[in-house]
Amino acid sequence: MKIGYPCINTIIGCKNNRTFRLRSYTEKLLLEMINNNLNCLSKILRFNAKHNLLFFRITSDLIPFASHPICSFNWEKHFEEQFLEIGNFIKKQNMRISMHPDQFTLINSLDEKIFANSSREIEYHSKVLDALDLDLSAKIQIHIGGVYGNKKKSLSRFIERFKKLDYVARQRLVVENDDKNYNLRDCLQVNAETEIPVLFDTLHHEVNCSGENLPEAFKLFTKTWKKKDGLAMVDYSSQNIGQRLGKHVETIDVKHFRKLLKESKPYDFDIMLEIKDKETSALSAMEIASNDKRISDA
């Protein structure tokens, strides 16, 4: 079991130092931004390794406009050495990596243009993980998408469209239960048709449950992961009390997290903390789980 957090480290303060908009696009600015982003990623990963935080979700903004037609620059070749250096560090530290395209990546959209854009976005994420030379346990998580007035047809359209995606990219995809439209059972149905592994989001399950308690849910979704996929992945958070249903908590709820560890036994999996204070809660989670025999020490 590895514990981690997504995209940004607030302690080291490493981030993009300016906004990069389409109207200001130049190849020179693109190179500067990518170089900055890769250096920042390297710093974050070194921080994580030092603190035994071995699961990290790389930001989708790593390569600006990579899936946009305006970007014809061969960033994979130009930054090949940097990518391989970072990838080698990831492998040496026995880290787990994932990525998560934004909410506009909808392969079951009724609009063919949106599907085409979503396909390019998924391929871009796949290229990043390939450039890092990571095996198929480095995953790209997506949601099933919208209902569009007919849930049954929208589920079928996701399955049909999934089969049209780039073969290499398909090997990295996992599907996540969401908090409104598609629950765990729906994701398991997709898995039965496509063999895409199911990434389990605990808060989404609390908000949009298909009837299973936590031990039952773990029994079901962990079966969808094959050896080549690595350990099953879990997105973890808890409800921010007093806020809209499904809003993530600001900092880890210790009692709630202990309950997850207890009820998820004997299953082994990697935990991504989707909590507002990022690495701060991840460090707390590592301390809470320090005596759990499942925890990886690299």
Protein backbone atom coordinates (compact mmCIF):
# COMPACT_ATOMS: atom_id res chain seq x y z
CA MET A 1 0.00 0.00 0.00
CA LYS A 2 1.22 3.46 -1.01
CA ILE A 3 -0.28 6.78 0.11
CA GLY A 4 -0.17 9.98 -1.87
CA TYR A 5 -1.84 13.17 -3.03
CA PRO A 6 -2.58 14.93 -6.33
CA CYS A 7 -0.76 17.44 -8.49
CA ILE A 8 0.45 20.25 -6.19
CA ASN A 9 2.77 20.44 -3.20
CA THR A 10 1.95 23.44 -1.00
CA ILE A 11 5.00 23.13 1.27
CA ILE A 12 7.76 23.53 -1.30
CA GLY A 13 5.79 26.17 -3.21
CA CYS A 14 6.70 24.93 -6.66
CA LYS A 15 4.18 25.86 -9.34
CA ASN A 16 3.70 27.64 -12.65
CA ASN A 17 4.66 31.28 -12.16
CA ARG A 18 2.31 32.71 -14.80
CA THR A 19 -0.81 31.95 -16.77
CA PHE A 20 -0.31 30.59 -20.27
CA ARG A 21 -3.27 31.47 -22.49
CA LEU A 22 -3.93 30.38 -26.05
CA ARG A 23 -3.69 33.95 -27.38
CA SER A 24 -0.16 34.28 -25.95
CA TYR A 25 1.04 30.91 -27.30
CA THR A 26 4.57 30.82 -28.70
CA GLU A 27 6.96 27.92 -28.97
CA LYS A 28 9.49 29.82 -26.85
CA LEU A 29 6.98 30.27 -24.04
CA LEU A 30 5.88 26.64 -24.37
CA LEU A 31 9.48 25.45 -23.88
CA GLU A 32 9.89 27.67 -20.82
CA MET A 33 6.68 26.37 -19.27
CA ILE A 34 7.43 22.70 -19.90
CA ASN A 35 10.94 23.06 -18.51
CA ASN A 36 9.56 24.77 -15.40
CA ASN A 37 6.87 22.11 -14.98
CA LEU A 38 9.29 19.22 -15.30
CA ASN A 39 11.70 20.80 -12.82
CA CYS A 40 8.81 21.34 -10.42
CA LEU A 41 7.66 17.73 -10.83
CA SER A 42 11.16 16.53 -10.04
CA LYS A 43 11.27 18.62 -6.84
CA ILE A 44 7.86 17.33 -5.72
CA LEU A 45 8.83 13.72 -6.30
CA ARG A 46 12.05 14.16 -4.33
CA PHE A 47 10.08 15.66 -1.45
CA ASN A 48 7.65 12.73 -1.63
CA ALA A 49 10.43 10.14 -1.67
CA LYS A 50 12.02 11.73 1.39
CA HIS A 51 8.72 11.40 3.27
CA ASN A 52 7.76 7.97 1.91
CA LEU A 53 4.78 9.37 0.00
CA LEU A 54 5.00 6.92 -2.87
CA PHE A 55 1.79 7.63 -4.79
CA PHE A 56 1.45 10.82 -6.83
CA ARG A 57 -0.95 12.14 -9.46
CA ILE A 58 0.84 14.23 -12.07
CA THR A 59 -0.97 17.38 -13.15
CA SER A 60 -2.67 17.36 -16.54
CA ASP A 61 -1.13 20.80 -17.12
CA LEU A 62 2.40 19.37 -17.35
CA ILE A 63 2.51 20.05 -21.11
CA PRO A 64 0.36 23.10 -21.93
CA PHE A 65 -1.90 22.72 -24.99
CA ALA A 66 -0.47 19.28 -25.73
CA SER A 67 -3.78 17.99 -27.11
CA HIS A 68 -4.64 21.25 -28.90
CA PRO A 69 -4.04 21.53 -32.68
CA ILE A 70 -1.89 24.63 -32.07
CA CYS A 71 0.80 22.47 -30.46
CA SER A 72 2.79 20.76 -33.21
CA PHE A 73 6.04 20.83 -31.26
CA ASN A 74 7.64 17.46 -30.53
CA TRP A 75 7.89 17.90 -26.77
CA GLU A 76 8.51 14.19 -26.17
CA LYS A 77 11.71 14.25 -28.22
CA HIS A 78 12.93 17.65 -27.03
CA PHE A 79 12.55 16.77 -23.33
CA GLU A 80 13.34 13.08 -23.69
CA GLU A 81 16.31 13.11 -21.29
CA GLN A 82 14.39 14.98 -18.58
CA PHE A 83 11.44 12.63 -18.85
CA LEU A 84 13.66 9.56 -18.62
CA GLU A 85 15.57 11.02 -15.67
CA ILE A 86 12.31 11.62 -13.79
CA GLY A 87 10.97 8.21 -14.81
CA ASN A 88 14.11 6.48 -13.59
CA PHE A 89 13.78 8.25 -10.24
CA ILE A 90 10.14 7.13 -9.98
CA LYS A 91 11.12 3.52 -10.66
CA LYS A 92 14.13 3.61 -8.35
CA GLN A 93 11.94 4.89 -5.51
CA ASN A 94 9.21 2.32 -6.29
CA MET A 95 6.63 5.08 -6.71
CA ARG A 96 3.15 4.78 -8.20
CA ILE A 97 1.99 7.42 -10.67
CA SER A 98 -1.42 8.35 -12.03
CA MET A 99 -3.04 11.12 -14.06
CA HIS A 100 -6.61 12.44 -14.27
CA PRO A 101 -7.86 14.41 -17.32
CA ASP A 102 -10.27 17.23 -16.51
CA GLN A 103 -14.08 17.08 -16.42
CA PHE A 104 -14.32 18.03 -20.10
CA THR A 105 -12.87 14.66 -21.12
CA LEU A 106 -16.10 12.89 -22.01
CA ILE A 107 -15.83 9.94 -24.33
CA ASN A 108 -19.57 9.21 -24.10
CA SER A 109 -20.59 12.72 -25.21
CA LEU A 110 -23.32 13.02 -27.84
CA ASP A 111 -21.06 15.51 -29.62
CA GLU A 112 -18.52 13.79 -31.88
CA LYS A 113 -16.22 16.82 -31.65
CA ILE A 114 -16.08 16.49 -27.86
CA PHE A 115 -15.30 12.79 -28.25
CA ALA A 116 -12.48 13.62 -30.70
CA ASN A 117 -11.05 16.22 -28.30
CA SER A 118 -11.36 13.76 -25.41
CA SER A 119 -9.53 11.09 -27.39
CA ARG A 120 -6.63 13.47 -28.06
CA GLU A 121 -6.54 14.43 -24.38
CA ILE A 122 -6.36 10.79 -23.28
CA GLU A 123 -3.61 10.10 -25.82
CA TYR A 124 -1.63 13.07 -24.47
CA HIS A 125 -1.79 11.67 -20.92
CA SER A 126 -0.70 8.29 -22.23
CA LYS A 127 2.26 9.89 -24.03
CA VAL A 128 3.41 11.54 -20.78
CA LEU A 129 3.45 8.20 -18.96
CA ASP A 130 5.16 6.54 -21.93
CA ALA A 131 7.78 9.31 -22.02
CA LEU A 132 8.49 8.56 -18.36
CA ASP A 133 8.97 4.91 -19.41
CA LEU A 134 6.50 3.68 -16.80
CA ASP A 135 4.77 0.33 -16.99
CA LEU A 136 1.00 -0.18 -17.24
CA SER A 137 0.50 0.26 -13.49
CA ALA A 138 0.73 4.01 -14.15
CA LYS A 139 -2.91 4.80 -14.80
CA ILE A 140 -5.17 7.45 -16.32
CA GLN A 141 -8.50 7.75 -14.55
CA ILE A 142 -11.68 8.97 -16.22
CA HIS A 143 -15.38 9.07 -15.42
CA ILE A 144 -18.08 7.44 -17.52
CA GLY A 145 -19.47 10.90 -18.22
CA GLY A 146 -22.93 12.36 -18.71
CA VAL A 147 -26.33 10.70 -18.77
CA TYR A 148 -27.74 12.82 -21.62
CA GLY A 149 -31.33 11.83 -20.84
CA ASN A 150 -30.77 8.10 -21.24
CA LYS A 151 -28.40 6.37 -18.83
CA LYS A 152 -28.57 2.96 -20.52
CA LYS A 153 -27.65 4.37 -23.93
CA SER A 154 -24.95 6.59 -22.44
CA LEU A 155 -23.35 3.58 -20.72
CA SER A 156 -23.41 1.67 -24.01
CA ARG A 157 -21.94 4.64 -25.84
CA PHE A 158 -19.05 4.80 -23.34
CA ILE A 159 -18.30 1.12 -23.97
CA GLU A 160 -18.50 1.58 -27.74
CA ARG A 161 -16.30 4.67 -27.70
CA PHE A 162 -13.76 3.09 -25.34
CA LYS A 163 -13.11 0.43 -27.95
CA LYS A 164 -12.31 3.16 -30.51
CA LEU A 165 -9.61 4.78 -28.42
CA ASP A 166 -5.90 4.37 -29.13
CA TYR A 167 -4.91 0.84 -28.10
CA VAL A 168 -1.88 1.93 -26.07
CA ALA A 169 -3.89 4.55 -24.20
CA ARG A 170 -6.64 2.03 -23.44
CA GLN A 171 -4.17 -0.11 -21.53
CA ARG A 172 -3.67 2.71 -19.03
CA LEU A 173 -7.28 3.73 -18.50
CA VAL A 174 -9.30 3.09 -15.34
CA VAL A 175 -12.88 4.18 -14.70
CA GLU A 176 -13.99 5.91 -11.50
CA ASN A 177 -17.40 5.94 -9.83
CA ASP A 178 -18.77 9.48 -9.53
CA ASP A 179 -20.97 11.35 -7.07
CA LYS A 180 -23.98 11.95 -9.34
CA ASN A 181 -24.44 9.76 -12.40
CA TYR A 182 -22.57 6.47 -12.30
CA ASN A 183 -22.05 4.41 -9.16
CA LEU A 184 -19.86 1.41 -8.44
CA ARG A 185 -22.31 -1.04 -10.04
CA ASP A 186 -22.32 0.98 -13.25
CA CYS A 187 -18.52 0.93 -13.34
CA LEU A 188 -18.52 -2.82 -12.76
CA GLN A 189 -20.87 -3.19 -15.73
CA VAL A 190 -18.41 -1.25 -17.88
CA ASN A 191 -15.60 -3.47 -16.62
CA ALA A 192 -17.54 -6.59 -17.60
CA GLU A 193 -17.75 -5.28 -21.18
CA THR A 194 -14.28 -3.73 -21.54
CA GLU A 195 -12.02 -5.16 -18.77
CA ILE A 196 -11.14 -1.59 -17.76
CA PRO A 197 -10.21 -1.63 -14.05
CA VAL A 198 -12.46 0.21 -11.59
CA LEU A 199 -10.88 2.92 -9.44
CA PHE A 200 -12.95 3.26 -6.27
CA ASP A 201 -13.72 6.73 -4.90
CA THR A 202 -14.80 6.39 -1.26
CA LEU A 203 -16.55 9.76 -0.94
CA HIS A 204 -18.40 9.32 -4.21
CA HIS A 205 -19.56 5.93 -2.94
CA GLU A 206 -20.89 7.53 0.24
CA VAL A 207 -22.77 10.12 -1.80
CA ASN A 208 -23.88 7.89 -4.70
CA CYS A 209 -23.95 4.36 -3.34
CA SER A 210 -25.14 1.30 -5.22
CA GLY A 211 -25.98 -0.55 -1.99
CA GLU A 212 -22.66 -2.03 -0.88
CA ASN A 213 -20.99 -1.38 2.45
CA LEU A 214 -17.25 -0.68 2.32
CA PRO A 215 -16.01 -4.30 2.71
CA GLU A 216 -18.46 -5.46 0.01
CA ALA A 217 -17.35 -2.66 -2.32
CA PHE A 218 -13.67 -3.58 -1.89
CA LYS A 219 -14.42 -7.21 -2.62
CA LEU A 220 -16.05 -6.21 -5.91
CA PHE A 221 -13.78 -3.54 -7.38
CA THR A 222 -10.43 -5.11 -6.44
CA LYS A 223 -11.31 -8.10 -8.64
CA THR A 224 -11.24 -5.85 -11.72
CA TRP A 225 -7.48 -5.26 -11.42
CA LYS A 226 -5.08 -7.64 -13.15
CA LYS A 227 -1.42 -8.19 -12.32
CA LYS A 228 -0.26 -5.89 -15.14
CA ASP A 229 -2.41 -3.09 -13.69
CA GLY A 230 -0.68 -3.10 -10.31
CA LEU A 231 -2.51 -2.75 -7.02
CA ALA A 232 -6.04 -1.40 -7.11
CA MET A 233 -6.33 2.37 -6.71
CA VAL A 234 -8.57 4.22 -4.27
CA ASP A 235 -9.41 7.92 -4.15
CA TYR A 236 -10.08 8.84 -0.53
CA SER A 237 -11.70 11.85 1.10
CA SER A 238 -14.55 12.56 3.51
CA GLN A 239 -17.50 14.92 3.48
CA ASN A 240 -16.87 18.57 4.31
CA ILE A 241 -19.58 19.06 6.93
CA GLY A 242 -21.91 21.98 6.23
CA GLN A 243 -20.89 22.16 2.56
CA ARG A 244 -22.59 20.74 -0.53
CA LEU A 245 -22.84 16.97 -0.67
CA GLY A 246 -19.62 15.51 -2.05
CA LYS A 247 -17.36 18.47 -1.25
CA HIS A 248 -13.95 17.32 -0.05
CA VAL A 249 -12.82 18.02 3.49
CA GLU A 250 -10.09 20.63 4.06
CA THR A 251 -7.87 18.35 6.15
CA ILE A 252 -7.89 14.66 6.99
CA ASP A 253 -10.55 13.34 9.37
CA VAL A 254 -8.43 10.99 11.47
CA LYS A 255 -11.34 8.92 12.78
CA HIS A 256 -12.82 8.51 9.29
CA PHE A 257 -9.45 7.48 7.81
CA ARG A 258 -8.87 4.92 10.56
CA LYS A 259 -12.28 3.47 9.75
CA LEU A 260 -11.26 3.10 6.08
CA LEU A 261 -8.09 1.22 7.02
CA LYS A 262 -10.01 -1.06 9.37
CA GLU A 263 -12.91 -1.85 7.04
CA SER A 264 -10.72 -2.34 3.95
CA LYS A 265 -8.78 -5.26 5.43
CA PRO A 266 -7.54 -7.64 4.09
CA TYR A 267 -7.34 -5.84 0.73
CA ASP A 268 -4.13 -4.16 -0.40
CA PHE A 269 -4.42 -1.03 -2.54
CA ASP A 270 -2.89 2.40 -3.14
CA ILE A 271 -4.60 5.47 -1.65
CA MET A 272 -4.82 8.89 -3.30
CA LEU A 273 -5.93 11.51 -0.77
CA GLU A 274 -8.20 14.04 -2.47
CA ILE A 275 -8.03 16.48 0.44
CA LYS A 276 -7.54 20.24 0.17
CA ASP A 277 -4.28 20.52 2.13
CA LYS A 278 -2.58 17.94 -0.11
CA GLU A 279 0.76 16.66 1.27
CA THR A 280 -0.03 17.83 4.81
CA SER A 281 -2.88 15.33 5.11
CA ALA A 282 -0.85 12.72 3.24
CA LEU A 283 1.89 13.01 5.86
CA SER A 284 -0.74 12.64 8.59
CA ALA A 285 -2.19 9.60 6.83
CA MET A 286 1.25 7.98 6.72
CA GLU A 287 1.59 8.48 10.45
CA ILE A 288 -1.89 7.08 11.12
CA ALA A 289 -1.18 4.04 8.94
CA SER A 290 2.40 3.51 10.17
CA ASN A 291 1.55 0.26 11.95
CA ASP A 292 -0.57 -1.11 9.10
CA LYS A 293 1.28 -4.11 7.65
CA ARG A 294 0.11 -3.16 4.15
CA ILE A 295 2.09 0.10 4.05
CA SER A 296 4.99 0.17 1.62
CA ASP A 297 8.38 1.40 2.79
CA ALA A 298 9.81 1.34 -0.75
